[in-house]
Amino acid sequence: MNPPEIATQVEAFVRETIVPYERDPRCTPHGPSEDLVTELRTHARAAGLLTPHIANGAHLTHRETAHVLRAAGLSPLGPVALNVAAPDEGNMYLLGRVATSEQKQRFLDPLIAGTARSAFFMTEPASDGGAGSDPSMMQTVARQDGNHWVIDGRKAFITGAQGAKIGIVMAKTEEGATLFLVDLPDPAVRIERVLDTIDSSMPGGHSIVAIEGLRVPADQILGEPHKGFDYAQVRLAPARLTHCMRWLGAATRAHEIACRYAVKRHAFGKPLIDHEGVGFMLADNRIALQQAWLMIDWCAGVLDGGAPGIAESSMAKVAVSDLLFGVSDRCVQVMGGTGVSGDTIVEQVFREIRAFRIYDGPTEVHKWSLAKRIKRETLAGMEG
């Protein structure tokens, strides 16, 4: 099955099979429950669509993946059902690029099969002075003890830690940072609490985690020691873009719902869409959705060309998150009271996309990074 056919089948599957689950009581404030995740993935597996962006161990290109993940994102439950949600999708990509063959068999294969979930332990609590947008502030430390490493620290906003079977833990080591592969649960990795956040689509929610005396064998280092910051970039640039892909699908669905509402709902003698104040908002949505797609396609092309895409993914993440937040905001406005209620998924999409402007780097951090790059390039040009 070629990528366009996969995307078409994924879209039909999400609309016909997954959308009816959106009102399931197992959709909790901390994400769909484990039994709901299992049930959804059973449907996807039966349809031959589980983990559709990876076939025979090989990823689709980033441009091909964009079509598939946009289709998956048409429901907040779609990425979870199809096993293309964060953080698993990004962790699969990183493991596929960096892990040894033995590590892939032990840690990657269960992720691809959808029988395990994972978590990426990088961000730390602000109260500890730990790493957030600045990974160099990392307080979690790993020290070598024979053929093991012992890790101590605290992590924050760890998506999916509750219920994860596989962890990738970043810790400070003598010459930088190192990534460690960890089997979960482990008594040395303790969830202090699951945070209440405005988004609610990711299984396990977002946790504060204490790591106390975690022993990890040396053969579970991901890649080479002390190169964790480099490997994080291997993961983060594509992951920013796949977030854009999934949320483009969500915003597209919200726009569809708002359009149907504006056509059917009447006020002052005519359908809402015939009032310019409403019709123009929907026109702006159509423009923004197309702009978002073009940014995604452009950045995907850069990554497919073999470039790291650090600056390009920052630009895409900033632009797409702002564009889609505008789309979701206008959808809420068009629908009025219905838009802020739970009668449709529009209010959830609004909440999810608002969080997106912070996740994988706040907009301001990406702009700051881009400004530094502009300064370097400008000074270099002046010297030339």
Protein backbone atom coordinates (compact mmCIF):
# COMPACT_ATOMS: atom_id res chain seq x y z
CA MET A 1 0.00 0.00 0.00
CA ASN A 2 1.51 3.35 -1.04
CA PRO A 3 1.47 6.45 1.23
CA PRO A 4 -1.53 8.20 -0.40
CA GLU A 5 -3.56 5.01 0.00
CA ILE A 6 -2.44 4.71 3.64
CA ALA A 7 -3.53 8.29 4.35
CA THR A 8 -6.90 7.72 2.68
CA GLN A 9 -7.50 4.56 4.69
CA VAL A 10 -6.38 6.23 7.92
CA GLU A 11 -8.78 9.12 7.37
CA ALA A 12 -11.71 6.78 6.72
CA PHE A 13 -10.80 4.68 9.75
CA VAL A 14 -10.58 7.70 12.06
CA ARG A 15 -13.86 9.19 10.86
CA GLU A 16 -15.83 5.94 10.90
CA THR A 17 -14.33 3.94 13.78
CA ILE A 18 -12.55 6.34 16.15
CA VAL A 19 -14.76 9.45 16.15
CA PRO A 20 -17.65 7.58 17.87
CA TYR A 21 -15.32 6.94 20.84
CA GLU A 22 -14.86 10.66 21.51
CA ARG A 23 -17.70 10.63 24.05
CA ASP A 24 -16.50 7.46 25.75
CA PRO A 25 -16.35 7.98 29.55
CA ARG A 26 -12.89 6.42 29.52
CA CYS A 27 -11.61 9.69 28.02
CA THR A 28 -10.33 11.24 31.25
CA PRO A 29 -8.73 14.62 32.05
CA HIS A 30 -5.39 12.79 32.00
CA GLY A 31 -5.98 11.16 28.63
CA PRO A 32 -7.71 8.00 27.45
CA SER A 33 -7.52 5.14 29.94
CA GLU A 34 -5.27 2.15 29.34
CA ASP A 35 -8.18 -0.15 28.50
CA LEU A 36 -9.52 2.38 26.00
CA VAL A 37 -6.08 2.66 24.38
CA THR A 38 -5.94 -1.12 24.09
CA GLU A 39 -9.43 -1.27 22.57
CA LEU A 40 -8.69 1.46 20.03
CA ARG A 41 -5.44 -0.18 18.99
CA THR A 42 -7.19 -3.51 18.61
CA HIS A 43 -9.41 -1.85 15.98
CA ALA A 44 -6.41 -0.30 14.24
CA ARG A 45 -4.53 -3.60 14.25
CA ALA A 46 -7.54 -5.40 12.77
CA ALA A 47 -7.73 -2.77 10.04
CA GLY A 48 -4.03 -3.20 9.24
CA LEU A 49 -3.38 0.44 10.15
CA LEU A 50 -1.46 0.26 13.43
CA THR A 51 1.75 2.33 13.29
CA PRO A 52 1.08 3.20 9.63
CA HIS A 53 4.10 5.50 9.26
CA ILE A 54 6.50 2.56 9.70
CA ALA A 55 6.45 -0.43 7.34
CA ASN A 56 8.84 -3.36 7.75
CA GLY A 57 10.95 -1.29 10.14
CA ALA A 58 11.34 1.61 7.68
CA HIS A 59 9.81 5.04 8.23
CA LEU A 60 7.89 6.81 5.51
CA THR A 61 9.50 10.02 4.34
CA HIS A 62 8.59 13.11 6.33
CA ARG A 63 6.44 14.37 3.45
CA GLU A 64 4.62 11.05 3.27
CA THR A 65 4.25 10.96 7.04
CA ALA A 66 2.60 14.40 6.95
CA HIS A 67 -0.38 13.05 5.00
CA VAL A 68 -0.79 10.08 7.33
CA LEU A 69 -0.47 12.02 10.60
CA ARG A 70 -2.77 14.80 9.44
CA ALA A 71 -5.41 12.13 8.78
CA ALA A 72 -4.77 10.53 12.17
CA GLY A 73 -5.18 13.90 13.89
CA LEU A 74 -8.75 14.37 12.67
CA SER A 75 -9.79 13.02 16.07
CA PRO A 76 -8.00 13.66 19.36
CA LEU A 77 -8.08 9.88 19.79
CA GLY A 78 -6.76 9.14 16.31
CA PRO A 79 -3.01 9.37 16.99
CA VAL A 80 -3.36 7.18 20.09
CA ALA A 81 -5.44 4.58 18.27
CA LEU A 82 -3.03 4.41 15.34
CA ASN A 83 0.11 4.51 17.50
CA VAL A 84 1.44 7.74 16.00
CA ALA A 85 1.01 9.94 19.10
CA ALA A 86 3.64 11.81 21.06
CA PRO A 87 5.89 10.87 22.75
CA ASP A 88 5.91 7.36 21.25
CA GLU A 89 6.20 8.52 17.65
CA GLY A 90 9.26 10.67 18.40
CA ASN A 91 10.82 7.96 20.55
CA MET A 92 10.37 5.41 17.78
CA TYR A 93 12.12 7.77 15.39
CA LEU A 94 15.04 8.32 17.77
CA LEU A 95 15.45 4.61 18.52
CA GLY A 96 15.31 3.81 14.83
CA ARG A 97 18.14 6.26 14.18
CA VAL A 98 20.41 5.67 17.20
CA ALA A 99 19.69 2.36 18.98
CA THR A 100 21.76 -0.82 18.55
CA SER A 101 20.12 -3.87 16.98
CA GLU A 102 19.74 -5.43 20.44
CA GLN A 103 18.19 -2.24 21.83
CA LYS A 104 15.80 -2.05 18.89
CA GLN A 105 14.61 -5.59 19.51
CA ARG A 106 14.07 -4.95 23.22
CA PHE A 107 12.75 -1.39 23.23
CA LEU A 108 11.69 -0.36 19.71
CA ASP A 109 9.83 -3.45 18.56
CA PRO A 110 7.20 -3.30 21.37
CA LEU A 111 6.59 0.37 20.55
CA ILE A 112 6.06 -0.35 16.86
CA ALA A 113 3.77 -3.25 17.79
CA GLY A 114 1.72 -0.92 19.97
CA THR A 115 2.04 -3.22 23.00
CA ALA A 116 4.02 -0.70 25.04
CA ARG A 117 4.00 3.04 25.61
CA SER A 118 7.05 5.17 26.33
CA ALA A 119 8.10 8.43 27.97
CA PHE A 120 10.95 10.86 27.33
CA PHE A 121 12.39 12.17 30.61
CA MET A 122 14.10 15.50 29.90
CA THR A 123 12.25 18.52 31.36
CA GLU A 124 12.73 19.24 35.07
CA PRO A 125 10.79 21.21 37.71
CA ALA A 126 11.33 24.96 37.72
CA SER A 127 11.27 24.84 41.53
CA ASP A 128 14.50 22.79 41.41
CA GLY A 129 16.20 25.20 39.04
CA GLY A 130 16.20 22.38 36.52
CA ALA A 131 16.17 22.12 32.75
CA GLY A 132 13.15 23.40 30.87
CA SER A 133 13.65 25.27 27.62
CA ASP A 134 17.37 25.37 28.47
CA PRO A 135 18.63 21.75 28.70
CA SER A 136 22.05 22.95 29.88
CA MET A 137 20.45 23.64 33.29
CA MET A 138 19.90 19.92 33.83
CA GLN A 139 20.06 18.84 37.49
CA THR A 140 19.45 15.11 37.06
CA VAL A 141 22.82 13.39 37.39
CA ALA A 142 24.14 9.98 36.33
CA ARG A 143 27.33 8.58 37.84
CA GLN A 144 29.13 5.44 36.75
CA ASP A 145 29.31 2.52 39.18
CA GLY A 146 31.17 -0.41 37.61
CA ASN A 147 29.21 -1.58 34.57
CA HIS A 148 26.11 0.34 35.69
CA TRP A 149 25.10 3.98 35.92
CA VAL A 150 23.15 5.37 38.87
CA ILE A 151 20.69 8.19 38.15
CA ASP A 152 19.19 10.68 40.62
CA GLY A 153 16.97 13.69 39.96
CA ARG A 154 13.46 14.92 39.31
CA LYS A 155 11.63 15.38 36.03
CA ALA A 156 8.52 17.42 35.20
CA PHE A 157 5.77 17.42 32.57
CA ILE A 158 6.75 13.91 31.51
CA THR A 159 4.08 12.90 29.03
CA GLY A 160 2.84 9.34 29.38
CA ALA A 161 5.05 8.39 32.34
CA GLN A 162 1.99 6.95 34.07
CA GLY A 163 1.58 3.55 32.41
CA ALA A 164 4.76 3.66 30.30
CA LYS A 165 6.80 0.47 29.92
CA ILE A 166 9.82 2.13 28.29
CA GLY A 167 11.65 5.28 29.33
CA ILE A 168 14.36 7.37 27.74
CA VAL A 169 16.02 9.31 30.56
CA MET A 170 18.36 12.23 29.96
CA ALA A 171 20.86 12.85 32.73
CA LYS A 172 23.90 15.06 33.20
CA THR A 173 27.23 13.21 32.97
CA GLU A 174 30.83 14.39 33.27
CA GLU A 175 31.21 15.61 29.70
CA GLY A 176 27.67 16.61 28.77
CA ALA A 177 24.48 14.56 28.97
CA THR A 178 23.65 10.93 28.27
CA LEU A 179 20.45 9.14 27.25
CA PHE A 180 19.54 5.93 29.06
CA LEU A 181 16.97 3.29 28.09
CA VAL A 182 14.96 2.13 31.08
CA ASP A 183 12.43 -0.64 31.69
CA LEU A 184 9.32 0.64 33.46
CA PRO A 185 7.83 0.49 35.97
CA ASP A 186 10.83 0.63 38.30
CA PRO A 187 10.65 1.36 42.03
CA ALA A 188 13.44 3.92 41.58
CA VAL A 189 11.20 5.93 39.23
CA ARG A 190 8.34 7.30 41.30
CA ILE A 191 5.47 9.40 39.99
CA GLU A 192 4.87 12.15 42.53
CA ARG A 193 1.72 13.40 40.86
CA VAL A 194 -0.01 13.68 37.51
CA LEU A 195 -0.56 17.34 36.70
CA ASP A 196 -3.94 18.81 35.79
CA THR A 197 -3.38 20.53 32.45
CA ILE A 198 -5.61 22.12 29.81
CA ASP A 199 -4.99 19.32 27.32
CA SER A 200 -6.43 15.82 27.73
CA SER A 201 -5.55 13.69 24.71
CA MET A 202 -2.34 11.95 25.79
CA PRO A 203 -2.52 8.68 27.78
CA GLY A 204 -1.03 8.99 31.24
CA GLY A 205 -1.15 12.77 31.21
CA HIS A 206 1.92 14.76 32.29
CA SER A 207 3.73 13.82 35.50
CA ILE A 208 6.21 15.07 38.05
CA VAL A 209 8.65 12.19 38.54
CA ALA A 210 11.31 11.50 41.18
CA ILE A 211 14.28 9.34 40.16
CA GLU A 212 16.15 7.99 43.16
CA GLY A 213 19.06 5.57 42.78
CA LEU A 214 17.98 4.24 39.40
CA ARG A 215 20.56 1.64 38.26
CA VAL A 216 20.93 1.23 34.50
CA PRO A 217 23.34 -1.22 32.82
CA ALA A 218 25.92 0.42 30.59
CA ASP A 219 24.58 -1.46 27.55
CA GLN A 220 21.34 0.50 27.92
CA ILE A 221 22.98 3.80 27.04
CA LEU A 222 21.31 5.09 23.88
CA GLY A 223 24.04 5.99 21.43
CA GLU A 224 27.33 7.13 22.89
CA PRO A 225 27.87 8.50 26.41
CA HIS A 226 27.87 12.29 26.86
CA LYS A 227 26.17 12.97 23.50
CA GLY A 228 22.63 13.19 24.81
CA PHE A 229 22.10 16.79 23.73
CA ASP A 230 23.05 15.89 20.14
CA TYR A 231 20.71 12.89 20.12
CA ALA A 232 17.90 14.98 21.57
CA GLN A 233 18.12 17.21 18.50
CA VAL A 234 17.81 14.12 16.28
CA ARG A 235 14.46 13.54 17.96
CA LEU A 236 13.23 17.07 18.58
CA ALA A 237 13.37 18.61 15.10
CA PRO A 238 11.19 15.93 13.44
CA ALA A 239 8.98 15.69 16.54
CA ARG A 240 8.15 19.39 16.36
CA LEU A 241 6.98 18.82 12.82
CA THR A 242 4.91 15.72 13.54
CA HIS A 243 3.13 17.72 16.26
CA CYS A 244 2.25 20.20 13.52
CA MET A 245 0.95 17.39 11.30
CA ARG A 246 -1.35 15.90 13.94
CA TRP A 247 -2.72 19.24 15.10
CA LEU A 248 -3.35 20.30 11.51
CA GLY A 249 -5.76 17.37 11.36
CA ALA A 250 -7.42 18.45 14.60
CA ALA A 251 -7.83 22.05 13.44
CA THR A 252 -9.18 20.83 10.09
CA ARG A 253 -11.86 18.82 11.90
CA ALA A 254 -12.76 21.77 14.15
CA HIS A 255 -13.10 23.93 11.04
CA GLU A 256 -15.41 21.36 9.42
CA ILE A 257 -17.63 21.36 12.50
CA ALA A 258 -17.72 25.17 12.62
CA CYS A 259 -18.61 25.35 8.92
CA ARG A 260 -21.52 22.96 9.33
CA TYR A 261 -22.72 24.93 12.34
CA ALA A 262 -22.49 28.24 10.45
CA VAL A 263 -24.47 26.86 7.52
CA LYS A 264 -27.25 25.34 9.64
CA ARG A 265 -27.57 27.98 12.37
CA HIS A 266 -29.67 31.05 11.51
CA ALA A 267 -29.67 34.51 13.06
CA PHE A 268 -31.22 37.79 11.92
CA GLY A 269 -32.97 36.15 9.00
CA LYS A 270 -30.13 34.22 7.38
CA PRO A 271 -27.50 31.51 8.01
CA LEU A 272 -24.59 32.62 10.14
CA ILE A 273 -22.16 32.05 7.29
CA ASP A 274 -23.93 34.76 5.26
CA HIS A 275 -22.99 37.32 7.90
CA GLU A 276 -19.60 38.71 6.91
CA GLY A 277 -18.36 38.67 10.50
CA VAL A 278 -18.76 34.89 10.49
CA GLY A 279 -18.06 34.09 6.87
CA PHE A 280 -14.81 36.03 6.92
CA MET A 281 -13.60 34.08 9.98
CA LEU A 282 -14.18 30.83 8.13
CA ALA A 283 -12.40 32.23 5.08
CA ASP A 284 -9.47 33.16 7.31
CA ASN A 285 -9.49 29.59 8.61
CA ARG A 286 -9.28 28.17 5.11
CA ILE A 287 -6.31 30.42 4.35
CA ALA A 288 -4.55 29.56 7.62
CA LEU A 289 -5.00 25.83 7.16
CA GLN A 290 -3.42 26.04 3.71
CA GLN A 291 -0.55 28.15 5.05
CA ALA A 292 0.04 25.61 7.81
CA TRP A 293 0.14 22.77 5.32
CA LEU A 294 2.64 24.61 3.13
CA MET A 295 4.94 25.23 6.12
CA ILE A 296 4.76 21.56 7.09
CA ASP A 297 5.45 20.40 3.55
CA TRP A 298 8.39 22.79 3.19
CA CYS A 299 10.04 21.70 6.44
CA ALA A 300 9.38 18.02 5.67
CA GLY A 301 11.18 18.50 2.38
CA VAL A 302 14.18 19.98 4.20
CA LEU A 303 14.33 16.98 6.55
CA ASP A 304 13.88 14.54 3.67
CA GLY A 305 16.86 16.20 1.99
CA GLY A 306 19.05 15.10 4.89
CA ALA A 307 19.46 18.46 6.66
CA PRO A 308 19.02 18.61 10.45
CA GLY A 309 16.22 21.13 9.98
CA ILE A 310 16.75 22.78 13.38
CA ALA A 311 15.93 26.33 12.27
CA GLU A 312 13.34 25.18 9.76
CA SER A 313 11.46 23.09 12.32
CA SER A 314 11.52 26.04 14.73
CA MET A 315 10.00 28.29 12.09
CA ALA A 316 7.39 25.71 11.18
CA LYS A 317 6.50 25.05 14.81
CA VAL A 318 6.06 28.76 15.59
CA ALA A 319 4.08 29.51 12.44
CA VAL A 320 1.87 26.43 12.48
CA SER A 321 1.06 26.60 16.20
CA ASP A 322 0.04 30.26 15.86
CA LEU A 323 -1.95 29.63 12.68
CA LEU A 324 -3.82 26.65 14.12
CA PHE A 325 -4.52 28.41 17.40
CA GLY A 326 -6.14 31.16 15.36
CA VAL A 327 -8.20 28.58 13.50
CA SER A 328 -9.41 26.90 16.68
CA ASP A 329 -10.14 30.24 18.33
CA ARG A 330 -12.27 31.37 15.40
CA CYS A 331 -14.11 28.05 15.42
CA VAL A 332 -15.05 28.61 19.06
CA GLN A 333 -16.16 32.17 18.26
CA VAL A 334 -18.27 31.13 15.27
CA MET A 335 -20.07 28.52 17.36
CA GLY A 336 -20.67 30.78 20.36
CA GLY A 337 -21.96 28.93 23.42
CA THR A 338 -21.80 25.60 21.62
CA GLY A 339 -18.13 26.27 20.90
CA VAL A 340 -17.20 26.48 24.57
CA SER A 341 -19.28 23.44 25.53
CA GLY A 342 -18.36 19.79 25.36
CA ASP A 343 -21.07 19.08 22.79
CA THR A 344 -18.40 18.93 20.06
CA ILE A 345 -14.63 18.44 20.11
CA VAL A 346 -14.05 22.07 19.13
CA GLU A 347 -13.40 23.22 22.69
CA GLN A 348 -10.98 20.32 23.22
CA VAL A 349 -9.11 21.13 20.03
CA PHE A 350 -8.85 24.73 21.23
CA ARG A 351 -7.33 23.54 24.53
CA GLU A 352 -4.96 21.09 22.88
CA ILE A 353 -3.62 23.60 20.37
CA ARG A 354 -3.18 26.26 23.05
CA ALA A 355 -0.88 23.83 24.86
CA PHE A 356 0.95 23.13 21.59
CA ARG A 357 2.30 26.69 21.63
CA ILE A 358 4.34 25.67 24.71
CA TYR A 359 5.12 21.98 24.13
CA ASP A 360 8.35 21.14 22.29
CA GLY A 361 9.62 24.64 23.02
CA PRO A 362 7.59 27.80 23.64
CA THR A 363 7.14 30.14 20.69
CA GLU A 364 9.37 32.73 22.36
CA VAL A 365 12.29 30.30 22.79
CA HIS A 366 12.17 29.34 19.14
CA LYS A 367 12.09 33.02 18.11
CA TRP A 368 15.03 33.75 20.43
CA SER A 369 17.00 30.91 18.87
CA LEU A 370 16.17 32.15 15.39
CA ALA A 371 17.19 35.71 16.34
CA LYS A 372 20.59 34.44 17.50
CA ARG A 373 21.02 32.67 14.18
CA ILE A 374 20.04 35.86 12.30
CA LYS A 375 22.61 37.82 14.30
CA ARG A 376 25.39 35.33 13.51
CA GLU A 377 24.53 35.27 9.81
CA THR A 378 24.26 39.05 9.61
CA LEU A 379 27.59 39.63 11.35
CA ALA A 380 29.24 37.03 9.11
CA GLY A 381 27.85 38.80 6.05
CA MET A 382 29.10 42.18 7.26
CA GLU A 383 32.58 40.79 7.84
CA GLY A 384 32.60 39.34 4.34
